Amino acid sequence: MKSVPLNLTRRLDLASLQLFVAVCELGSIGKAAEREFIAPSALSKRLSDLEATLGTALLHRHSRGVHLTPAGQNLLHHARSVLFSLERMQSELSEYADGVRGQVRMHASISATVQFLPEDLGAFIRAHQGIKIDLEEHLSSEVLRAVQEGAADLGVCNTADGVGELQTRPYRQDQLVLVVPADHALADKGMVAFEDTLAFDHVGLHSNSSIYVAMRQAAAALGQSIRLRIQVTGLDAMGRMIYNGLGIGVMPLRAFTLMHSTGELSAVALRDPWATRQIELVARDFSTLPRTARLLVDHLTALAPHGAKA
């Protein structure tokens, strides 16, 4: 196989990369040509030129369409990354033209988004009106992956399962509680062990959520399983399901307090150590963050509980 020329950056055509991605996504040169408003013969020529530039076959062409070679799969990964970065660059630079002086890309867990970030980010924006925060809500595991892959400058999530090579800073602490209907057998208990809840049906969050993972691990350590009756994707939905008698559930205390208008529900403290959780800021390297992101980190870490581990 030919070696890739050293001056590849000068010879690669971004338009051809975009067309290559379109072909991969649709599995057909004809369909991609129709979507991208280009003649199929011209698109095919672009692909051939791209293969010649790279010195390797990228696609196997057949009567039903195309499929990727190993080299094509590798290029698709890099091409998507390059095009995503260019789209992000265009978006961010266009906002400078509109008067926005900076932007912070942040991904945060459901718990952090519901409990703390609305007020904390609101205070930051009022003090720094030239900075825009691009916030997306994800599961904690997805937040960590986004930071690791560079899709987010900053993450906010529970880090009990580890962060690999990422760096962390303290932010907030939350307390998980058992939420039950007001007339439930456990409603009058001042505090319960999670083990005491396993005799009842549960309303759970997404199976990959940090709360449900902690519950599943705790049940396994007891040699038991959770009687999961239904799973939901948000804390509001969990509250409504509990209120309507579909089970009991575990959620952060502050989230319960904020949504208490859902109905007659009670929060019972959990005595298990894992019910007290640390929510942290996560970055690949805090020292290399853009200045706008560092300002936000300083603002959020100042809100960490006194004595939180740095």
Protein backbone atom coordinates (compact mmCIF):
# COMPACT_ATOMS: atom_id res chain seq x y z
CA MET A 1 0.00 0.00 0.00
CA LYS A 2 1.26 3.46 -0.83
CA SER A 3 2.32 5.73 2.01
CA VAL A 4 0.12 8.75 2.67
CA PRO A 5 1.81 11.91 1.33
CA LEU A 6 3.28 14.25 3.93
CA ASN A 7 1.49 17.26 2.46
CA LEU A 8 -1.91 15.60 2.95
CA THR A 9 -3.45 18.67 4.56
CA ARG A 10 -2.86 20.65 1.36
CA ARG A 11 -4.25 17.94 -0.89
CA LEU A 12 -7.34 16.89 1.06
CA ASP A 13 -10.59 18.47 -0.10
CA LEU A 14 -13.05 19.12 2.73
CA ALA A 15 -15.96 18.97 0.29
CA SER A 16 -14.86 15.48 -0.72
CA LEU A 17 -14.69 14.44 2.94
CA GLN A 18 -18.26 15.67 3.42
CA LEU A 19 -19.40 13.73 0.36
CA PHE A 20 -17.58 10.63 1.59
CA VAL A 21 -19.42 10.85 4.93
CA ALA A 22 -22.74 11.26 3.11
CA VAL A 23 -22.08 8.12 1.06
CA CYS A 24 -21.20 6.19 4.22
CA GLU A 25 -24.34 7.36 6.01
CA LEU A 26 -26.67 6.50 3.13
CA GLY A 27 -24.82 3.44 1.82
CA SER A 28 -25.28 4.57 -1.75
CA ILE A 29 -23.51 6.95 -4.13
CA GLY A 30 -26.80 7.71 -5.88
CA LYS A 31 -28.66 8.59 -2.68
CA ALA A 32 -25.76 10.68 -1.42
CA ALA A 33 -25.56 12.54 -4.74
CA GLU A 34 -29.26 13.33 -4.56
CA ARG A 35 -28.98 14.62 -0.99
CA GLU A 36 -25.88 16.70 -1.70
CA PHE A 37 -27.15 18.06 -5.05
CA ILE A 38 -24.32 16.69 -7.14
CA ALA A 39 -24.27 14.38 -10.17
CA PRO A 40 -23.53 10.74 -9.24
CA SER A 41 -20.69 10.64 -11.77
CA ALA A 42 -19.11 13.75 -10.21
CA LEU A 43 -19.45 12.30 -6.72
CA SER A 44 -17.91 9.02 -7.84
CA LYS A 45 -15.00 10.96 -9.34
CA ARG A 46 -14.51 12.80 -6.05
CA LEU A 47 -14.33 9.51 -4.21
CA SER A 48 -11.84 8.07 -6.68
CA ASP A 49 -9.66 11.17 -6.32
CA LEU A 50 -9.85 10.85 -2.51
CA GLU A 51 -8.76 7.22 -2.71
CA ALA A 52 -5.89 8.20 -5.02
CA THR A 53 -4.78 10.92 -2.61
CA LEU A 54 -4.78 8.51 0.34
CA GLY A 55 -3.34 5.65 -1.66
CA THR A 56 -5.90 3.07 -0.55
CA ALA A 57 -9.40 1.83 -1.33
CA LEU A 58 -12.08 3.30 0.93
CA LEU A 59 -15.22 1.68 -0.44
CA HIS A 60 -16.28 -1.61 -1.98
CA ARG A 61 -18.83 -0.80 -4.70
CA HIS A 62 -21.53 -3.36 -5.54
CA SER A 63 -24.97 -3.46 -7.13
CA ARG A 64 -26.79 -2.75 -3.86
CA GLY A 65 -24.61 0.20 -2.91
CA VAL A 66 -21.30 0.47 -1.11
CA HIS A 67 -19.66 -0.74 2.09
CA LEU A 68 -16.55 0.46 3.82
CA THR A 69 -13.12 -1.07 3.71
CA PRO A 70 -11.13 -1.07 7.00
CA ALA A 71 -9.34 2.07 5.76
CA GLY A 72 -12.71 3.63 4.95
CA GLN A 73 -14.00 2.94 8.47
CA ASN A 74 -10.94 4.66 9.89
CA LEU A 75 -11.34 7.65 7.60
CA LEU A 76 -15.04 7.95 8.46
CA HIS A 77 -14.16 8.31 12.16
CA HIS A 78 -11.61 11.04 11.46
CA ALA A 79 -13.73 12.79 8.82
CA ARG A 80 -16.68 13.10 11.21
CA SER A 81 -14.36 14.52 13.87
CA VAL A 82 -12.88 17.07 11.44
CA LEU A 83 -16.28 18.17 10.10
CA PHE A 84 -17.73 18.40 13.61
CA SER A 85 -14.83 20.61 14.70
CA LEU A 86 -15.31 22.86 11.67
CA GLU A 87 -19.04 23.20 12.35
CA ARG A 88 -18.31 24.03 15.98
CA MET A 89 -15.69 26.57 14.93
CA GLN A 90 -18.11 28.23 12.52
CA SER A 91 -20.81 28.38 15.19
CA GLU A 92 -18.53 29.84 17.82
CA LEU A 93 -16.94 32.41 15.50
CA SER A 94 -20.32 33.54 14.19
CA GLU A 95 -21.34 34.33 17.76
CA TYR A 96 -18.33 36.62 18.18
CA ALA A 97 -19.71 38.54 15.21
CA ASP A 98 -23.03 38.77 17.07
CA GLY A 99 -21.29 40.26 20.11
CA VAL A 100 -20.82 37.11 22.23
CA ARG A 101 -17.31 37.27 23.64
CA GLY A 102 -16.96 33.64 24.57
CA GLN A 103 -18.61 30.27 24.86
CA VAL A 104 -18.32 27.29 27.21
CA ARG A 105 -19.40 23.84 26.06
CA MET A 106 -20.73 21.93 29.07
CA HIS A 107 -22.33 18.51 29.53
CA ALA A 108 -24.02 17.74 32.84
CA SER A 109 -25.85 14.89 34.52
CA ILE A 110 -29.60 14.94 35.11
CA SER A 111 -29.12 15.40 38.86
CA ALA A 112 -26.80 18.38 38.45
CA THR A 113 -29.06 19.98 35.85
CA VAL A 114 -32.21 19.65 37.95
CA GLN A 115 -30.78 20.54 41.34
CA PHE A 116 -28.04 23.13 41.05
CA LEU A 117 -27.11 24.41 37.61
CA PRO A 118 -30.12 26.64 36.81
CA GLU A 119 -29.39 28.97 39.73
CA ASP A 120 -25.60 28.67 39.58
CA LEU A 121 -25.34 29.27 35.84
CA GLY A 122 -27.89 32.05 36.05
CA ALA A 123 -25.72 33.88 38.58
CA PHE A 124 -22.66 33.39 36.35
CA ILE A 125 -24.39 34.70 33.23
CA ARG A 126 -25.62 37.78 35.08
CA ALA A 127 -22.02 38.53 36.05
CA HIS A 128 -20.58 37.67 32.60
CA GLN A 129 -23.21 38.61 30.05
CA GLY A 130 -20.78 38.29 27.13
CA ILE A 131 -20.33 34.54 27.71
CA LYS A 132 -22.69 31.93 26.31
CA ILE A 133 -23.01 28.49 27.93
CA ASP A 134 -23.85 25.60 25.61
CA LEU A 135 -25.31 23.02 28.05
CA GLU A 136 -26.41 19.48 27.22
CA GLU A 137 -27.93 17.01 29.68
CA HIS A 138 -26.62 13.43 29.61
CA LEU A 139 -26.02 10.41 31.82
CA SER A 140 -22.86 10.69 33.92
CA SER A 141 -21.04 8.08 31.83
CA GLU A 142 -21.84 10.02 28.66
CA VAL A 143 -20.70 13.28 30.27
CA LEU A 144 -17.29 11.75 31.01
CA ARG A 145 -16.99 10.38 27.48
CA ALA A 146 -17.88 13.77 25.95
CA VAL A 147 -15.15 15.50 27.98
CA GLN A 148 -12.62 12.80 27.13
CA GLU A 149 -13.39 13.04 23.40
CA GLY A 150 -13.37 16.85 23.39
CA ALA A 151 -17.08 17.29 22.62
CA ALA A 152 -17.39 19.29 25.87
CA ASP A 153 -14.94 21.62 27.61
CA LEU A 154 -16.40 20.91 31.01
CA GLY A 155 -18.46 18.15 32.60
CA VAL A 156 -20.59 18.16 35.76
CA CYS A 157 -21.53 14.75 37.13
CA ASN A 158 -21.20 12.10 39.79
CA THR A 159 -17.76 10.47 39.56
CA ALA A 160 -18.15 7.52 41.94
CA ASP A 161 -17.17 5.05 39.22
CA GLY A 162 -13.91 6.84 38.39
CA VAL A 163 -12.81 9.32 35.75
CA GLY A 164 -9.72 7.70 34.24
CA GLU A 165 -7.17 10.34 33.28
CA LEU A 166 -9.60 13.25 33.53
CA GLN A 167 -9.16 15.91 36.21
CA THR A 168 -11.83 16.81 38.76
CA ARG A 169 -12.74 19.74 41.00
CA PRO A 170 -15.35 19.77 43.81
CA TYR A 171 -18.73 21.31 43.04
CA ARG A 172 -21.74 20.13 45.02
CA GLN A 173 -22.94 17.33 47.25
CA ASP A 174 -26.33 15.68 47.00
CA GLN A 175 -28.23 13.31 49.24
CA LEU A 176 -30.30 10.46 47.84
CA VAL A 177 -33.60 9.71 49.56
CA LEU A 178 -36.35 7.18 49.21
CA VAL A 179 -39.53 8.70 47.77
CA VAL A 180 -42.81 6.98 48.62
CA PRO A 181 -46.53 7.81 48.59
CA ALA A 182 -47.59 9.52 51.82
CA ASP A 183 -49.65 6.47 52.87
CA HIS A 184 -46.87 3.94 52.17
CA ALA A 185 -45.66 1.57 54.90
CA LEU A 186 -42.22 3.25 54.90
CA ALA A 187 -43.48 6.84 54.84
CA ASP A 188 -43.35 7.32 58.62
CA LYS A 189 -39.83 5.97 59.01
CA GLY A 190 -37.28 8.60 59.91
CA MET A 191 -34.56 6.68 58.08
CA VAL A 192 -34.35 3.35 56.29
CA ALA A 193 -31.65 1.11 54.91
CA PHE A 194 -31.82 0.45 51.19
CA GLU A 195 -32.17 -3.24 52.04
CA ASP A 196 -35.57 -2.44 53.60
CA THR A 197 -36.84 -1.15 50.26
CA LEU A 198 -36.15 -4.29 48.26
CA ALA A 199 -39.41 -5.93 49.30
CA PHE A 200 -41.31 -3.30 47.31
CA ASP A 201 -41.73 -2.48 43.62
CA HIS A 202 -39.40 0.26 42.39
CA VAL A 203 -39.65 3.00 39.80
CA GLY A 204 -36.12 3.35 38.44
CA LEU A 205 -34.17 5.72 36.23
CA HIS A 206 -32.35 4.68 33.05
CA SER A 207 -30.28 1.52 33.63
CA ASN A 208 -27.03 3.44 32.93
CA SER A 209 -27.82 6.35 35.26
CA SER A 210 -25.45 6.75 38.21
CA ILE A 211 -28.34 6.43 40.70
CA TYR A 212 -29.60 3.17 39.26
CA VAL A 213 -26.08 1.76 38.95
CA ALA A 214 -25.49 2.51 42.66
CA MET A 215 -28.80 0.86 43.57
CA ARG A 216 -28.05 -2.21 41.48
CA GLN A 217 -24.59 -2.58 43.03
CA ALA A 218 -26.02 -2.19 46.54
CA ALA A 219 -28.67 -4.84 45.90
CA ALA A 220 -26.08 -7.23 44.42
CA ALA A 221 -23.86 -6.78 47.50
CA LEU A 222 -26.82 -7.92 49.59
CA GLY A 223 -27.39 -10.93 47.34
CA GLN A 224 -30.73 -9.52 46.22
CA SER A 225 -32.25 -7.82 43.20
CA ILE A 226 -34.43 -4.76 42.67
CA ARG A 227 -38.10 -5.37 41.93
CA LEU A 228 -38.08 -2.92 39.03
CA ARG A 229 -41.60 -2.27 37.82
CA ILE A 230 -40.93 0.58 35.43
CA GLN A 231 -38.01 2.72 34.23
CA VAL A 232 -38.23 6.40 33.30
CA THR A 233 -35.79 8.91 31.89
CA GLY A 234 -36.37 11.85 34.24
CA LEU A 235 -36.98 12.70 37.88
CA ASP A 236 -40.31 14.44 37.23
CA ALA A 237 -41.63 11.30 35.53
CA MET A 238 -40.38 9.21 38.44
CA GLY A 239 -42.31 11.38 40.90
CA ARG A 240 -45.50 11.09 38.90
CA MET A 241 -45.19 7.31 38.66
CA ILE A 242 -44.63 7.01 42.42
CA TYR A 243 -47.58 9.30 43.14
CA ASN A 244 -49.78 7.08 41.01
CA GLY A 245 -48.87 3.93 42.91
CA LEU A 246 -46.45 2.27 40.49
CA GLY A 247 -43.71 1.82 43.08
CA ILE A 248 -41.19 3.66 45.24
CA GLY A 249 -37.99 5.30 44.03
CA VAL A 250 -34.64 6.82 44.91
CA MET A 251 -33.82 10.39 43.90
CA PRO A 252 -31.81 13.37 45.18
CA LEU A 253 -33.43 15.22 48.09
CA ARG A 254 -33.16 18.67 46.47
CA ALA A 255 -34.79 17.37 43.29
CA PHE A 256 -37.64 15.97 45.39
CA THR A 257 -38.04 19.31 47.17
CA LEU A 258 -38.17 21.20 43.87
CA MET A 259 -40.84 18.89 42.40
CA HIS A 260 -42.88 18.33 45.55
CA SER A 261 -45.94 19.90 43.95
CA THR A 262 -46.32 16.62 42.04
CA GLY A 263 -48.54 15.32 44.85
CA GLU A 264 -48.65 13.74 48.27
CA LEU A 265 -45.22 12.14 48.46
CA SER A 266 -42.81 11.62 51.35
CA ALA A 267 -39.00 11.56 51.36
CA VAL A 268 -37.31 9.11 53.71
CA ALA A 269 -33.58 9.36 54.45
CA LEU A 270 -31.35 6.48 53.37
CA ARG A 271 -28.68 5.47 55.89
CA ASP A 272 -26.44 3.79 53.29
CA PRO A 273 -23.06 5.57 52.74
CA TRP A 274 -23.50 5.58 48.95
CA ALA A 275 -26.60 7.76 49.34
CA THR A 276 -24.32 10.76 49.96
CA ARG A 277 -22.77 11.65 46.61
CA GLN A 278 -20.20 14.11 45.34
CA ILE A 279 -20.98 16.00 42.14
CA GLU A 280 -17.78 17.25 40.55
CA LEU A 281 -16.51 19.33 37.68
CA VAL A 282 -14.54 17.33 35.13
CA ALA A 283 -12.08 18.44 32.44
CA ARG A 284 -9.23 16.95 30.48
CA ASP A 285 -6.89 19.63 31.87
CA PHE A 286 -8.26 22.59 33.83
CA SER A 287 -5.08 24.60 33.20
CA THR A 288 -5.54 24.52 29.40
CA LEU A 289 -9.25 25.42 29.33
CA PRO A 290 -10.23 28.59 27.47
CA ARG A 291 -10.36 31.65 29.72
CA THR A 292 -14.17 31.71 29.63
CA ALA A 293 -14.33 28.12 30.86
CA ARG A 294 -11.80 28.85 33.62
CA LEU A 295 -13.99 31.73 34.80
CA LEU A 296 -16.95 29.35 35.02
CA VAL A 297 -14.87 26.74 36.88
CA ASP A 298 -13.82 29.37 39.44
CA HIS A 299 -17.46 30.40 39.89
CA LEU A 300 -18.73 26.85 40.38
CA THR A 301 -15.91 25.63 42.65
CA ALA A 302 -16.54 28.60 44.93
CA LEU A 303 -19.95 27.02 45.59
CA ALA A 304 -18.45 23.71 46.80
CA PRO A 305 -19.34 22.76 50.40
CA HIS A 306 -16.78 23.93 52.98
CA GLY A 307 -14.12 21.28 53.38
CA ALA A 308 -14.83 19.52 50.08
CA LYS A 309 -11.85 17.62 48.74
CA ALA A 310 -10.01 19.51 46.03
